[in-house]
Amino acid sequence: MGLFDSINPLVKIAKKVVNGVRQSLMGQINLLDTAVKAPIQMMVKEVVGGVWVGDGADAFVEQCTRMFIPQTDFITNGARSMHSCIGKALDIMEAADKKSMSFVNNLSGIFGGIYK
């Protein structure tokens, strides 16, 4: 360890903020799955099981299975992709910070040897 042991405080703050965003995003994905998509899937299952019959029931199942559920999947897949990309960006940020700290520590060692 050198003169500059700790990670830049701004990087620490940025990491906390980014991780908070990622957690919020995953919470929204889970909410969409559990509070929106799952109940609709359950209703479709009930209707297909015979709870509701007729043209209206068929139209409901059609709309849900061909439009609503695929669109929720599209949204959650996009959000999962965003979550993954944010994680990769965070990894890049951490690697860059470590590399810059390594350079700073090496330079402090060099200058420390010169100016003893």
C-alpha atoms as a PDB file:
ATOM      1  CA  MET A   1       0.000   0.000   0.000  1.00  0.00           C
ATOM      2  CA  GLY A   2       1.145   3.465  -0.735  1.00  0.00           C
ATOM      3  CA  LEU A   3       0.452   7.028   0.110  1.00  0.00           C
ATOM      4  CA  PHE A   4      -3.016   6.890  -1.470  1.00  0.00           C
ATOM      5  CA  ASP A   5      -4.464   3.680  -0.017  1.00  0.00           C
ATOM      6  CA  SER A   6      -8.130   4.477  -0.144  1.00  0.00           C
ATOM      7  CA  ILE A   7     -10.322   4.566  -3.197  1.00  0.00           C
ATOM      8  CA  ASN A   8     -11.383   8.024  -4.266  1.00  0.00           C
ATOM      9  CA  PRO A   9     -14.338   9.049  -2.051  1.00  0.00           C
ATOM     10  CA  LEU A  10     -16.268  10.241  -5.106  1.00  0.00           C
ATOM     11  CA  VAL A  11     -15.902   6.802  -6.668  1.00  0.00           C
ATOM     12  CA  LYS A  12     -17.219   5.226  -3.459  1.00  0.00           C
ATOM     13  CA  ILE A  13     -20.236   7.521  -3.532  1.00  0.00           C
ATOM     14  CA  ALA A  14     -20.806   6.851  -7.227  1.00  0.00           C
ATOM     15  CA  LYS A  15     -20.654   3.098  -6.620  1.00  0.00           C
ATOM     16  CA  LYS A  16     -23.253   3.364  -3.848  1.00  0.00           C
ATOM     17  CA  VAL A  17     -25.540   5.429  -6.061  1.00  0.00           C
ATOM     18  CA  VAL A  18     -25.152   3.054  -9.013  1.00  0.00           C
ATOM     19  CA  ASN A  19     -25.757   0.012  -6.812  1.00  0.00           C
ATOM     20  CA  GLY A  20     -28.853   1.719  -5.420  1.00  0.00           C
ATOM     21  CA  VAL A  21     -30.126   2.294  -8.947  1.00  0.00           C
ATOM     22  CA  ARG A  22     -29.473  -1.351  -9.811  1.00  0.00           C
ATOM     23  CA  GLN A  23     -31.346  -2.521  -6.703  1.00  0.00           C
ATOM     24  CA  SER A  24     -34.285  -0.241  -7.494  1.00  0.00           C
ATOM     25  CA  LEU A  25     -34.353  -1.479 -11.063  1.00  0.00           C
ATOM     26  CA  MET A  26     -34.388  -5.108  -9.933  1.00  0.00           C
ATOM     27  CA  GLY A  27     -37.162  -4.264  -7.478  1.00  0.00           C
ATOM     28  CA  GLN A  28     -39.232  -2.827 -10.308  1.00  0.00           C
ATOM     29  CA  ILE A  29     -38.581  -5.919 -12.435  1.00  0.00           C
ATOM     30  CA  ASN A  30     -39.703  -8.166  -9.592  1.00  0.00           C
ATOM     31  CA  LEU A  31     -42.755  -5.988  -8.989  1.00  0.00           C
ATOM     32  CA  LEU A  32     -43.732  -6.197 -12.638  1.00  0.00           C
ATOM     33  CA  ASP A  33     -43.374  -9.979 -12.554  1.00  0.00           C
ATOM     34  CA  THR A  34     -45.199 -10.578  -9.269  1.00  0.00           C
ATOM     35  CA  ALA A  35     -47.798  -7.812  -9.124  1.00  0.00           C
ATOM     36  CA  VAL A  36     -48.661  -7.443 -12.792  1.00  0.00           C
ATOM     37  CA  LYS A  37     -47.714 -10.407 -14.946  1.00  0.00           C
ATOM     38  CA  ALA A  38     -48.357 -13.270 -12.508  1.00  0.00           C
ATOM     39  CA  PRO A  39     -51.953 -12.215 -11.687  1.00  0.00           C
ATOM     40  CA  ILE A  40     -52.783 -11.863 -15.383  1.00  0.00           C
ATOM     41  CA  GLN A  41     -51.305 -15.291 -16.079  1.00  0.00           C
ATOM     42  CA  MET A  42     -53.395 -16.695 -13.234  1.00  0.00           C
ATOM     43  CA  MET A  43     -56.538 -15.080 -14.651  1.00  0.00           C
ATOM     44  CA  VAL A  44     -55.804 -16.506 -18.103  1.00  0.00           C
ATOM     45  CA  LYS A  45     -55.330 -19.936 -16.554  1.00  0.00           C
ATOM     46  CA  GLU A  46     -58.659 -19.627 -14.733  1.00  0.00           C
ATOM     47  CA  VAL A  47     -60.479 -18.513 -17.883  1.00  0.00           C
ATOM     48  CA  VAL A  48     -58.930 -21.296 -19.958  1.00  0.00           C
ATOM     49  CA  GLY A  49     -59.972 -23.671 -17.166  1.00  0.00           C
ATOM     50  CA  GLY A  50     -63.602 -22.751 -17.772  1.00  0.00           C
ATOM     51  CA  VAL A  51     -64.381 -20.086 -15.165  1.00  0.00           C
ATOM     52  CA  TRP A  52     -65.491 -17.765 -17.948  1.00  0.00           C
ATOM     53  CA  VAL A  53     -66.632 -18.942 -21.373  1.00  0.00           C
ATOM     54  CA  GLY A  54     -67.760 -17.274 -24.544  1.00  0.00           C
ATOM     55  CA  ASP A  55     -66.500 -14.714 -26.996  1.00  0.00           C
ATOM     56  CA  GLY A  56     -65.516 -12.258 -24.273  1.00  0.00           C
ATOM     57  CA  ALA A  57     -63.453 -14.905 -22.506  1.00  0.00           C
ATOM     58  CA  ASP A  58     -61.756 -15.871 -25.748  1.00  0.00           C
ATOM     59  CA  ALA A  59     -60.992 -12.225 -26.523  1.00  0.00           C
ATOM     60  CA  PHE A  60     -59.591 -11.714 -23.011  1.00  0.00           C
ATOM     61  CA  VAL A  61     -57.282 -14.724 -23.310  1.00  0.00           C
ATOM     62  CA  GLU A  62     -56.251 -13.625 -26.809  1.00  0.00           C
ATOM     63  CA  GLN A  63     -55.373 -10.093 -25.698  1.00  0.00           C
ATOM     64  CA  CYS A  64     -53.479 -11.295 -22.661  1.00  0.00           C
ATOM     65  CA  THR A  65     -51.486 -14.042 -24.347  1.00  0.00           C
ATOM     66  CA  ARG A  66     -50.733 -12.248 -27.601  1.00  0.00           C
ATOM     67  CA  MET A  67     -50.276  -8.685 -26.409  1.00  0.00           C
ATOM     68  CA  PHE A  68     -50.113  -8.055 -22.676  1.00  0.00           C
ATOM     69  CA  ILE A  69     -47.816 -10.867 -21.521  1.00  0.00           C
ATOM     70  CA  PRO A  70     -45.333 -10.489 -24.423  1.00  0.00           C
ATOM     71  CA  GLN A  71     -45.163  -6.739 -23.799  1.00  0.00           C
ATOM     72  CA  THR A  72     -44.450  -7.231 -20.099  1.00  0.00           C
ATOM     73  CA  ASP A  73     -41.748  -9.732 -21.076  1.00  0.00           C
ATOM     74  CA  PHE A  74     -40.301  -7.154 -23.476  1.00  0.00           C
ATOM     75  CA  ILE A  75     -40.209  -4.546 -20.715  1.00  0.00           C
ATOM     76  CA  THR A  76     -38.664  -6.870 -18.118  1.00  0.00           C
ATOM     77  CA  ASN A  77     -36.088  -8.192 -20.593  1.00  0.00           C
ATOM     78  CA  GLY A  78     -35.097  -4.626 -21.440  1.00  0.00           C
ATOM     79  CA  ALA A  79     -34.815  -3.761 -17.762  1.00  0.00           C
ATOM     80  CA  ARG A  80     -32.749  -6.895 -17.083  1.00  0.00           C
ATOM     81  CA  SER A  81     -30.446  -5.959 -19.947  1.00  0.00           C
ATOM     82  CA  MET A  82     -30.111  -2.463 -18.502  1.00  0.00           C
ATOM     83  CA  HIS A  83     -29.354  -3.964 -15.073  1.00  0.00           C
ATOM     84  CA  SER A  84     -26.628  -6.107 -16.611  1.00  0.00           C
ATOM     85  CA  CYS A  85     -25.127  -3.212 -18.579  1.00  0.00           C
ATOM     86  CA  ILE A  86     -25.066  -1.007 -15.495  1.00  0.00           C
ATOM     87  CA  GLY A  87     -23.247  -3.815 -13.663  1.00  0.00           C
ATOM     88  CA  LYS A  88     -20.674  -4.038 -16.459  1.00  0.00           C
ATOM     89  CA  ALA A  89     -20.226  -0.266 -16.381  1.00  0.00           C
ATOM     90  CA  LEU A  90     -19.676  -0.461 -12.626  1.00  0.00           C
ATOM     91  CA  ASP A  91     -17.034  -3.168 -13.153  1.00  0.00           C
ATOM     92  CA  ILE A  92     -15.276  -0.952 -15.719  1.00  0.00           C
ATOM     93  CA  MET A  93     -15.408   2.000 -13.326  1.00  0.00           C
ATOM     94  CA  GLU A  94     -13.903  -0.088 -10.509  1.00  0.00           C
ATOM     95  CA  ALA A  95     -11.144  -1.449 -12.777  1.00  0.00           C
ATOM     96  CA  ALA A  96     -10.298   2.064 -13.980  1.00  0.00           C
ATOM     97  CA  ASP A  97     -10.193   3.331 -10.401  1.00  0.00           C
ATOM     98  CA  LYS A  98      -7.879   0.499  -9.327  1.00  0.00           C
ATOM     99  CA  LYS A  99      -5.624   1.111 -12.312  1.00  0.00           C
ATOM    100  CA  SER A 100      -5.452   4.848 -11.633  1.00  0.00           C
ATOM    101  CA  MET A 101      -4.716   4.198  -7.950  1.00  0.00           C
ATOM    102  CA  SER A 102      -1.928   1.848  -9.007  1.00  0.00           C
ATOM    103  CA  PHE A 103      -0.436   4.601 -11.176  1.00  0.00           C
ATOM    104  CA  VAL A 104      -0.723   7.117  -8.347  1.00  0.00           C
ATOM    105  CA  ASN A 105       0.922   4.731  -5.881  1.00  0.00           C
ATOM    106  CA  ASN A 106       3.726   3.970  -8.336  1.00  0.00           C
ATOM    107  CA  LEU A 107       4.319   7.665  -8.952  1.00  0.00           C
ATOM    108  CA  SER A 108       4.284   8.424  -5.235  1.00  0.00           C
ATOM    109  CA  GLY A 109       6.916   5.719  -4.766  1.00  0.00           C
ATOM    110  CA  ILE A 110       9.059   7.149  -7.550  1.00  0.00           C
ATOM    111  CA  PHE A 111       8.769  10.725  -6.317  1.00  0.00           C
ATOM    112  CA  GLY A 112       9.197   9.584  -2.727  1.00  0.00           C
ATOM    113  CA  GLY A 113      12.530   8.018  -3.699  1.00  0.00           C
ATOM    114  CA  ILE A 114      13.645  11.169  -5.492  1.00  0.00           C
ATOM    115  CA  TYR A 115      12.666  13.639  -2.777  1.00  0.00           C
ATOM    116  CA  LYS A 116      13.918  11.875   0.343  1.00  0.00           C
END
